[in-house]
């Protein structure tokens, strides 16, 4: 199935860069380094259907990332708790 995506061709050139780069974006924002050059529509072919396997894979990856972040946060909290307990015992 063909899908149209509307957006902007943008030019990016910070003061330290000799040559500009260009890309397609759906964000209309501009900065001193990034300006909209022209509006553009691209047409792409995408698979039809619900894409269930791809969606399940994305959910599983999101769960994996969440587990890693939680493990890191728990380790950080455990370390802080242990430091406080050490201070308390020595007092």
Protein backbone atom coordinates (compact mmCIF):
# COMPACT_ATOMS: atom_id res chain seq x y z
CA UNK A 1 0.00 0.00 0.00
CA UNK A 2 1.29 3.47 -0.84
CA UNK A 3 1.40 6.11 1.89
CA UNK A 4 2.07 9.84 1.51
CA UNK A 5 4.15 11.54 4.20
CA UNK A 6 4.17 15.34 4.26
CA UNK A 7 7.03 17.26 5.79
CA UNK A 8 9.92 19.60 5.17
CA UNK A 9 13.32 19.45 3.57
CA UNK A 10 15.59 21.08 6.16
CA UNK A 11 19.03 22.60 5.97
CA UNK A 12 21.41 22.21 8.91
CA UNK A 13 24.62 24.23 9.15
CA UNK A 14 26.04 25.30 12.49
CA UNK A 15 28.79 27.93 12.42
CA UNK A 16 31.56 25.34 12.81
CA UNK A 17 30.46 23.27 9.78
CA UNK A 18 31.77 24.23 6.32
CA UNK A 19 29.02 22.57 4.29
CA UNK A 20 25.31 22.24 5.10
CA UNK A 21 23.48 18.93 5.34
CA UNK A 22 19.88 18.33 4.33
CA UNK A 23 17.20 15.94 5.54
CA UNK A 24 13.47 15.31 5.57
CA UNK A 25 11.53 16.08 8.77
CA UNK A 26 7.90 16.35 9.82
CA UNK A 27 8.83 18.89 12.51
CA UNK A 28 8.11 22.46 11.39
CA UNK A 29 10.49 24.02 13.94
CA UNK A 30 13.50 26.13 13.05
CA UNK A 31 16.63 27.20 14.92
CA UNK A 32 19.60 29.41 14.07
CA UNK A 33 21.33 26.29 12.67
CA UNK A 34 18.32 24.54 11.11
CA UNK A 35 15.87 26.08 8.67
CA UNK A 36 13.01 24.78 6.54
CA UNK A 37 13.93 24.91 2.86
CA UNK A 38 10.70 23.70 1.27
CA UNK A 39 7.63 21.64 1.98
CA UNK A 40 7.79 18.17 0.45
CA UNK A 41 5.66 15.04 0.24
CA UNK A 42 7.20 11.62 -0.15
CA UNK A 43 5.35 8.51 -1.19
CA UNK A 44 6.47 5.15 0.16
CA UNK A 45 5.32 1.57 -0.16
CA UNK A 46 4.49 0.00 3.21
CA UNK A 47 3.34 -3.53 4.01
CA UNK A 48 -0.36 -4.03 4.49
CA UNK A 49 -1.87 -5.67 7.54
CA UNK A 50 -1.55 -5.37 11.26
CA UNK A 51 2.22 -6.09 11.37
CA UNK A 52 1.71 -8.13 14.54
CA UNK A 53 5.19 -9.77 14.60
CA UNK A 54 6.89 -6.38 14.27
CA UNK A 55 4.69 -4.84 16.96
CA UNK A 56 5.36 -7.77 19.33
CA UNK A 57 9.11 -7.43 18.69
CA UNK A 58 8.94 -3.71 19.49
CA UNK A 59 7.05 -4.39 22.73
CA UNK A 60 9.60 -7.04 23.75
CA UNK A 61 12.47 -4.63 23.08
CA UNK A 62 10.76 -1.91 25.10
CA UNK A 63 10.29 -4.37 27.97
CA UNK A 64 13.98 -5.38 27.77
CA UNK A 65 15.09 -1.74 27.94
CA UNK A 66 12.73 -1.10 30.88
CA UNK A 67 14.18 -4.10 32.76
CA UNK A 68 17.73 -2.85 32.22
CA UNK A 69 16.83 0.65 33.43
CA UNK A 70 15.01 -0.76 36.45
CA UNK A 71 17.98 -2.99 37.33
CA UNK A 72 20.31 0.01 37.10
CA UNK A 73 18.04 2.12 39.31
CA UNK A 74 17.67 -0.68 41.87
CA UNK A 75 21.45 -1.12 42.00
CA UNK A 76 21.82 2.63 42.56
CA UNK A 77 19.25 2.57 45.38
CA UNK A 78 20.83 -0.53 46.96
CA UNK A 79 24.22 1.20 46.96
CA UNK A 80 22.77 4.34 48.58
CA UNK A 81 20.98 2.22 51.20
CA UNK A 82 24.14 0.27 52.01
CA UNK A 83 26.16 3.46 52.42
CA UNK A 84 23.59 4.80 54.86
CA UNK A 85 23.52 1.55 56.80
CA UNK A 86 27.31 1.56 57.08
CA UNK A 87 27.21 5.10 58.44
CA UNK A 88 24.54 4.14 60.94
CA UNK A 89 26.43 1.11 62.31
CA UNK A 90 29.69 3.07 62.77
CA UNK A 91 28.03 5.92 64.69
